[in-house]
N, C-alpha and C. Protein backbone atom coordinates (compact mmCIF):
# COMPACT_ATOMS: atom_id res chain seq x y z
N UNK A 1 33.44 -34.71 57.83
CA UNK A 1 33.80 -33.69 56.85
C UNK A 1 32.54 -32.95 56.43
N UNK A 2 32.64 -31.65 56.32
CA UNK A 2 31.49 -30.83 55.95
C UNK A 2 31.40 -30.63 54.45
N UNK A 3 30.50 -29.77 54.08
CA UNK A 3 30.30 -29.43 52.68
C UNK A 3 31.32 -28.37 52.28
N UNK A 4 32.17 -28.66 51.25
CA UNK A 4 33.20 -27.69 50.86
C UNK A 4 32.64 -26.34 50.43
N UNK A 5 31.44 -26.33 49.88
CA UNK A 5 30.87 -25.06 49.43
C UNK A 5 30.44 -24.22 50.63
N UNK A 6 29.69 -24.80 51.56
CA UNK A 6 29.23 -24.02 52.71
C UNK A 6 30.34 -23.80 53.72
N UNK A 7 31.38 -24.67 53.72
CA UNK A 7 32.51 -24.50 54.64
C UNK A 7 33.57 -23.54 54.10
N UNK A 8 33.48 -23.15 52.85
CA UNK A 8 34.48 -22.25 52.26
C UNK A 8 34.36 -20.87 52.90
N UNK A 9 35.48 -20.14 52.97
CA UNK A 9 35.39 -18.77 53.49
C UNK A 9 34.34 -17.98 52.71
N UNK A 10 33.65 -17.07 53.37
CA UNK A 10 32.54 -16.35 52.72
C UNK A 10 32.96 -15.55 51.50
N UNK A 11 34.22 -15.14 51.41
CA UNK A 11 34.64 -14.34 50.27
C UNK A 11 35.06 -15.20 49.07
N UNK A 12 35.00 -16.54 49.20
CA UNK A 12 35.28 -17.44 48.07
C UNK A 12 33.94 -17.82 47.45
N UNK A 13 33.70 -17.43 46.19
CA UNK A 13 32.42 -17.76 45.56
C UNK A 13 32.18 -19.27 45.49
N UNK A 14 30.95 -19.67 45.74
CA UNK A 14 30.59 -21.09 45.72
C UNK A 14 30.90 -21.72 44.36
N UNK A 15 30.71 -20.95 43.29
CA UNK A 15 30.98 -21.49 41.95
C UNK A 15 32.45 -21.87 41.80
N UNK A 16 33.33 -21.09 42.39
CA UNK A 16 34.76 -21.36 42.32
C UNK A 16 35.09 -22.66 43.06
N UNK A 17 34.48 -22.85 44.22
CA UNK A 17 34.70 -24.08 44.99
C UNK A 17 34.20 -25.28 44.21
N UNK A 18 33.04 -25.15 43.57
CA UNK A 18 32.50 -26.26 42.78
C UNK A 18 33.39 -26.58 41.59
N UNK A 19 33.94 -25.56 40.93
CA UNK A 19 34.86 -25.80 39.82
C UNK A 19 36.13 -26.49 40.30
N UNK A 20 36.64 -26.11 41.45
CA UNK A 20 37.82 -26.75 42.01
C UNK A 20 37.56 -28.22 42.28
N UNK A 21 36.39 -28.52 42.81
CA UNK A 21 36.02 -29.92 43.09
C UNK A 21 35.91 -30.72 41.78
N UNK A 22 35.28 -30.13 40.78
CA UNK A 22 35.12 -30.82 39.49
C UNK A 22 36.48 -31.09 38.85
N UNK A 23 37.38 -30.15 38.95
CA UNK A 23 38.72 -30.32 38.40
C UNK A 23 39.43 -31.49 39.07
N UNK A 24 39.37 -31.56 40.39
CA UNK A 24 40.01 -32.66 41.12
C UNK A 24 39.39 -34.00 40.73
N UNK A 25 38.07 -34.02 40.57
CA UNK A 25 37.40 -35.26 40.19
C UNK A 25 37.81 -35.70 38.78
N UNK A 26 37.87 -34.75 37.85
CA UNK A 26 38.31 -35.09 36.49
C UNK A 26 39.74 -35.62 36.48
N UNK A 27 40.61 -35.00 37.24
CA UNK A 27 42.00 -35.47 37.31
C UNK A 27 42.05 -36.90 37.82
N UNK A 28 41.23 -37.21 38.81
CA UNK A 28 41.18 -38.57 39.33
C UNK A 28 40.69 -39.56 38.29
N UNK A 29 39.71 -39.18 37.52
CA UNK A 29 39.20 -40.06 36.47
C UNK A 29 40.23 -40.29 35.37
N UNK A 30 40.93 -39.24 35.00
CA UNK A 30 41.97 -39.39 33.97
C UNK A 30 43.10 -40.28 34.49
N UNK A 31 43.44 -40.11 35.75
CA UNK A 31 44.47 -40.95 36.35
C UNK A 31 44.06 -42.42 36.31
N UNK A 32 42.81 -42.69 36.63
CA UNK A 32 42.31 -44.06 36.61
C UNK A 32 42.29 -44.62 35.19
N UNK A 33 41.94 -43.80 34.21
CA UNK A 33 41.93 -44.26 32.82
C UNK A 33 43.33 -44.61 32.32
N UNK A 34 44.30 -43.81 32.71
CA UNK A 34 45.67 -44.03 32.24
C UNK A 34 46.39 -45.16 32.93
N UNK A 35 45.95 -45.50 34.12
CA UNK A 35 46.62 -46.54 34.91
C UNK A 35 46.62 -47.87 34.16
N UNK A 36 47.79 -48.41 33.92
CA UNK A 36 47.92 -49.70 33.26
C UNK A 36 47.82 -49.65 31.75
N UNK A 37 47.52 -48.50 31.18
CA UNK A 37 47.37 -48.41 29.73
C UNK A 37 48.54 -47.71 29.06
N UNK A 38 49.39 -47.11 29.85
CA UNK A 38 50.52 -46.38 29.28
C UNK A 38 51.74 -47.28 29.25
N UNK A 39 52.64 -47.03 28.30
CA UNK A 39 53.83 -47.88 28.20
C UNK A 39 54.69 -47.80 29.46
N UNK A 40 55.12 -48.96 29.94
CA UNK A 40 55.93 -49.02 31.15
C UNK A 40 57.30 -48.40 30.91
N UNK A 41 57.80 -47.71 31.93
CA UNK A 41 59.14 -47.15 31.86
C UNK A 41 59.27 -45.86 31.08
N UNK A 42 58.20 -45.29 30.63
CA UNK A 42 58.27 -44.03 29.89
C UNK A 42 58.46 -42.88 30.87
N UNK A 43 59.52 -42.06 30.70
CA UNK A 43 59.77 -40.98 31.66
C UNK A 43 58.64 -39.96 31.75
N UNK A 44 57.84 -39.85 30.71
CA UNK A 44 56.71 -38.90 30.74
C UNK A 44 55.68 -39.32 31.78
N UNK A 45 55.62 -40.62 32.08
CA UNK A 45 54.63 -41.10 33.04
C UNK A 45 54.79 -40.44 34.41
N UNK A 46 56.04 -40.27 34.84
CA UNK A 46 56.26 -39.66 36.16
C UNK A 46 55.77 -38.22 36.18
N UNK A 47 56.05 -37.49 35.10
CA UNK A 47 55.60 -36.09 35.05
C UNK A 47 54.08 -36.02 35.00
N UNK A 48 53.48 -36.91 34.23
CA UNK A 48 52.01 -36.94 34.15
C UNK A 48 51.42 -37.31 35.50
N UNK A 49 51.99 -38.34 36.14
CA UNK A 49 51.48 -38.78 37.45
C UNK A 49 51.59 -37.67 38.48
N UNK A 50 52.71 -36.94 38.47
CA UNK A 50 52.89 -35.85 39.44
C UNK A 50 51.88 -34.72 39.17
N UNK A 51 51.68 -34.39 37.91
CA UNK A 51 50.73 -33.34 37.56
C UNK A 51 49.32 -33.75 37.99
N UNK A 52 48.94 -35.00 37.71
CA UNK A 52 47.62 -35.47 38.12
C UNK A 52 47.48 -35.47 39.65
N UNK A 53 48.52 -35.89 40.34
CA UNK A 53 48.48 -35.87 41.80
C UNK A 53 48.25 -34.45 42.31
N UNK A 54 49.00 -33.51 41.74
CA UNK A 54 48.84 -32.11 42.16
C UNK A 54 47.43 -31.60 41.88
N UNK A 55 46.87 -32.02 40.74
CA UNK A 55 45.51 -31.59 40.40
C UNK A 55 44.48 -32.23 41.33
N UNK A 56 44.66 -33.52 41.63
CA UNK A 56 43.69 -34.21 42.49
C UNK A 56 43.72 -33.69 43.92
N UNK A 57 44.90 -33.30 44.39
CA UNK A 57 45.01 -32.80 45.76
C UNK A 57 44.78 -31.30 45.85
N UNK A 58 44.64 -30.64 44.70
CA UNK A 58 44.40 -29.20 44.69
C UNK A 58 45.60 -28.40 45.15
N UNK A 59 46.81 -28.94 44.92
CA UNK A 59 48.02 -28.30 45.42
C UNK A 59 48.16 -26.85 44.96
N UNK A 60 47.97 -26.60 43.66
CA UNK A 60 48.14 -25.23 43.18
C UNK A 60 47.07 -24.31 43.75
N UNK A 61 45.89 -24.85 43.98
CA UNK A 61 44.82 -24.04 44.55
C UNK A 61 45.10 -23.73 46.02
N UNK A 62 45.68 -24.71 46.72
CA UNK A 62 46.05 -24.47 48.11
C UNK A 62 47.12 -23.39 48.20
N UNK A 63 48.06 -23.43 47.26
CA UNK A 63 49.13 -22.44 47.25
C UNK A 63 48.60 -21.03 46.95
N UNK A 64 47.45 -20.95 46.30
CA UNK A 64 46.88 -19.65 45.95
C UNK A 64 46.27 -18.94 47.16
N UNK A 65 46.01 -19.69 48.22
CA UNK A 65 45.44 -19.07 49.42
C UNK A 65 43.96 -18.80 49.29
N UNK A 66 43.49 -17.79 49.97
CA UNK A 66 42.05 -17.52 50.02
C UNK A 66 41.62 -16.32 49.19
N UNK A 67 42.55 -15.72 48.47
CA UNK A 67 42.20 -14.58 47.61
C UNK A 67 41.46 -15.10 46.37
N UNK A 68 40.22 -14.67 46.14
CA UNK A 68 39.45 -15.19 45.01
C UNK A 68 40.15 -14.98 43.65
N UNK A 69 40.80 -13.85 43.46
CA UNK A 69 41.47 -13.61 42.18
C UNK A 69 42.64 -14.57 41.99
N UNK A 70 43.40 -14.81 43.05
CA UNK A 70 44.52 -15.75 42.96
C UNK A 70 44.02 -17.17 42.74
N UNK A 71 42.93 -17.53 43.39
CA UNK A 71 42.37 -18.88 43.21
C UNK A 71 41.82 -19.06 41.80
N UNK A 72 41.21 -18.00 41.27
CA UNK A 72 40.71 -18.07 39.89
C UNK A 72 41.86 -18.27 38.92
N UNK A 73 42.96 -17.55 39.11
CA UNK A 73 44.13 -17.71 38.25
C UNK A 73 44.72 -19.12 38.40
N UNK A 74 44.80 -19.61 39.62
CA UNK A 74 45.31 -20.96 39.86
C UNK A 74 44.41 -22.00 39.21
N UNK A 75 43.11 -21.78 39.25
CA UNK A 75 42.17 -22.70 38.62
C UNK A 75 42.35 -22.71 37.10
N UNK A 76 42.56 -21.55 36.52
CA UNK A 76 42.81 -21.47 35.07
C UNK A 76 44.08 -22.23 34.71
N UNK A 77 45.13 -22.07 35.51
CA UNK A 77 46.37 -22.79 35.25
C UNK A 77 46.17 -24.30 35.41
N UNK A 78 45.41 -24.68 36.40
CA UNK A 78 45.14 -26.10 36.62
C UNK A 78 44.35 -26.69 35.46
N UNK A 79 43.43 -25.93 34.90
CA UNK A 79 42.67 -26.42 33.73
C UNK A 79 43.58 -26.60 32.53
N UNK A 80 44.55 -25.69 32.36
CA UNK A 80 45.53 -25.87 31.28
C UNK A 80 46.37 -27.12 31.52
N UNK A 81 46.76 -27.34 32.77
CA UNK A 81 47.52 -28.55 33.10
C UNK A 81 46.70 -29.80 32.79
N UNK A 82 45.42 -29.78 33.14
CA UNK A 82 44.55 -30.93 32.89
C UNK A 82 44.42 -31.18 31.40
N UNK A 83 44.25 -30.14 30.61
CA UNK A 83 44.16 -30.30 29.16
C UNK A 83 45.45 -30.89 28.60
N UNK A 84 46.58 -30.43 29.10
CA UNK A 84 47.88 -30.95 28.64
C UNK A 84 48.04 -32.42 29.02
N UNK A 85 47.63 -32.77 30.22
CA UNK A 85 47.71 -34.17 30.66
C UNK A 85 46.84 -35.05 29.78
N UNK A 86 45.64 -34.58 29.47
CA UNK A 86 44.74 -35.38 28.62
C UNK A 86 45.38 -35.64 27.27
N UNK A 87 46.00 -34.62 26.69
CA UNK A 87 46.65 -34.79 25.39
C UNK A 87 47.87 -35.71 25.51
N UNK A 88 48.66 -35.55 26.57
CA UNK A 88 49.86 -36.38 26.75
C UNK A 88 49.49 -37.84 26.98
N UNK A 89 48.47 -38.09 27.79
CA UNK A 89 48.02 -39.47 28.02
C UNK A 89 47.52 -40.08 26.71
N UNK A 90 46.79 -39.30 25.93
CA UNK A 90 46.31 -39.78 24.64
C UNK A 90 47.48 -40.13 23.73
N UNK A 91 48.48 -39.26 23.68
CA UNK A 91 49.65 -39.50 22.83
C UNK A 91 50.39 -40.77 23.24
N UNK A 92 50.56 -40.96 24.53
CA UNK A 92 51.25 -42.16 25.00
C UNK A 92 50.43 -43.42 24.72
N UNK A 93 49.14 -43.33 24.91
CA UNK A 93 48.27 -44.49 24.66
C UNK A 93 48.23 -44.85 23.18
N UNK A 94 48.27 -43.84 22.31
CA UNK A 94 48.24 -44.09 20.86
C UNK A 94 49.57 -44.58 20.33
N UNK A 95 50.66 -44.29 21.06
CA UNK A 95 51.98 -44.75 20.64
C UNK A 95 52.46 -44.03 19.39
N UNK A 96 53.18 -44.76 18.56
CA UNK A 96 53.80 -44.18 17.36
C UNK A 96 52.78 -43.58 16.39
N UNK A 97 51.56 -44.04 16.43
CA UNK A 97 50.54 -43.55 15.50
C UNK A 97 50.01 -42.17 15.88
N UNK A 98 50.33 -41.71 17.09
CA UNK A 98 49.78 -40.44 17.56
C UNK A 98 50.38 -39.25 16.81
N UNK A 99 49.54 -38.32 16.36
CA UNK A 99 50.05 -37.10 15.72
C UNK A 99 50.45 -36.03 16.73
N UNK A 100 50.11 -36.22 18.00
CA UNK A 100 50.33 -35.17 19.00
C UNK A 100 51.80 -34.80 19.16
N UNK A 101 52.74 -35.75 19.31
CA UNK A 101 54.14 -35.35 19.47
C UNK A 101 54.66 -34.50 18.30
N UNK A 102 54.24 -34.83 17.09
CA UNK A 102 54.69 -34.05 15.93
C UNK A 102 54.10 -32.63 15.97
N UNK A 103 52.90 -32.50 16.49
CA UNK A 103 52.26 -31.18 16.55
C UNK A 103 52.95 -30.25 17.55
N UNK A 104 53.51 -30.81 18.61
CA UNK A 104 54.14 -29.95 19.63
C UNK A 104 55.67 -29.99 19.59
N UNK A 105 56.23 -30.73 18.66
CA UNK A 105 57.69 -30.91 18.59
C UNK A 105 58.45 -29.58 18.52
N UNK A 106 57.93 -28.61 17.81
CA UNK A 106 58.65 -27.35 17.60
C UNK A 106 58.26 -26.27 18.61
N UNK A 107 57.43 -26.61 19.56
CA UNK A 107 57.05 -25.68 20.62
C UNK A 107 58.17 -25.70 21.66
N UNK A 108 58.65 -24.55 22.10
CA UNK A 108 59.70 -24.55 23.12
C UNK A 108 59.21 -25.15 24.44
N UNK A 109 60.14 -25.81 25.15
CA UNK A 109 59.82 -26.28 26.50
C UNK A 109 59.53 -25.06 27.35
N UNK A 110 58.47 -25.14 28.14
CA UNK A 110 58.09 -24.01 28.96
C UNK A 110 57.82 -24.48 30.38
N UNK A 111 58.29 -23.72 31.32
CA UNK A 111 57.92 -23.99 32.71
C UNK A 111 56.47 -23.55 32.89
N UNK A 112 55.74 -24.31 33.69
CA UNK A 112 54.33 -23.98 33.91
C UNK A 112 54.23 -22.60 34.56
N UNK A 113 53.34 -21.81 34.06
CA UNK A 113 53.12 -20.47 34.58
C UNK A 113 51.98 -19.83 33.85
N UNK A 114 51.58 -18.64 34.24
CA UNK A 114 50.43 -17.98 33.63
C UNK A 114 50.52 -17.84 32.11
N UNK A 115 51.71 -17.63 31.57
CA UNK A 115 51.83 -17.44 30.13
C UNK A 115 52.13 -18.71 29.35
N UNK A 116 52.20 -19.83 30.03
CA UNK A 116 52.56 -21.08 29.38
C UNK A 116 51.38 -21.62 28.57
N UNK A 117 51.65 -21.92 27.31
CA UNK A 117 50.59 -22.45 26.46
C UNK A 117 50.32 -23.92 26.79
N UNK A 118 49.16 -24.39 26.39
CA UNK A 118 48.84 -25.80 26.58
C UNK A 118 49.81 -26.65 25.75
N UNK A 119 50.13 -26.20 24.54
CA UNK A 119 51.08 -26.95 23.70
C UNK A 119 52.44 -27.05 24.38
N UNK A 120 52.90 -25.97 25.00
CA UNK A 120 54.17 -26.01 25.72
C UNK A 120 54.13 -26.98 26.89
N UNK A 121 53.02 -27.05 27.56
CA UNK A 121 52.85 -27.99 28.67
C UNK A 121 52.86 -29.43 28.16
N UNK A 122 52.19 -29.66 27.03
CA UNK A 122 52.19 -31.01 26.44
C UNK A 122 53.61 -31.40 26.09
N UNK A 123 54.33 -30.51 25.44
CA UNK A 123 55.72 -30.81 25.04
C UNK A 123 56.56 -31.16 26.26
N UNK A 124 56.41 -30.39 27.33
CA UNK A 124 57.18 -30.65 28.55
C UNK A 124 56.81 -32.01 29.15
N UNK A 125 55.51 -32.32 29.18
CA UNK A 125 55.09 -33.62 29.73
C UNK A 125 55.63 -34.79 28.90
N UNK A 126 55.68 -34.62 27.57
CA UNK A 126 56.09 -35.73 26.70
C UNK A 126 57.59 -35.80 26.47
N UNK A 127 58.35 -34.79 26.89
CA UNK A 127 59.77 -34.79 26.59
C UNK A 127 60.46 -35.98 27.26
N UNK A 128 61.44 -36.56 26.55
CA UNK A 128 62.10 -37.76 27.07
C UNK A 128 63.05 -37.48 28.23
N UNK A 129 63.40 -36.22 28.47
CA UNK A 129 64.34 -35.93 29.56
C UNK A 129 63.70 -35.24 30.73
């Protein structure tokens, strides 16, 4: 395997490739931290696990193709997803004492997309259905 920065297409800025790598690494670390610490059988775990998997494999970035503007937008969305996962994992780990569910309770469920707030993503990850 070569160096992702030097192997990237010439029109993809090296900084963007490095940010994509850092995002995947952070998702992997969060996944490792949450493993075994979250309550068993919680439906939010599957959504969190899937989101982390997508972040670690760079799925949304792969879907963006090689256009730098599209990859930058996908990276921004992935960072919002990562922030939402961090908050959701924290809420699940804290259990009933967590203030996070109450903070996002009145935020509408939102499908992930460019206009989706981090709070909406947290609410979706933590929803029981």
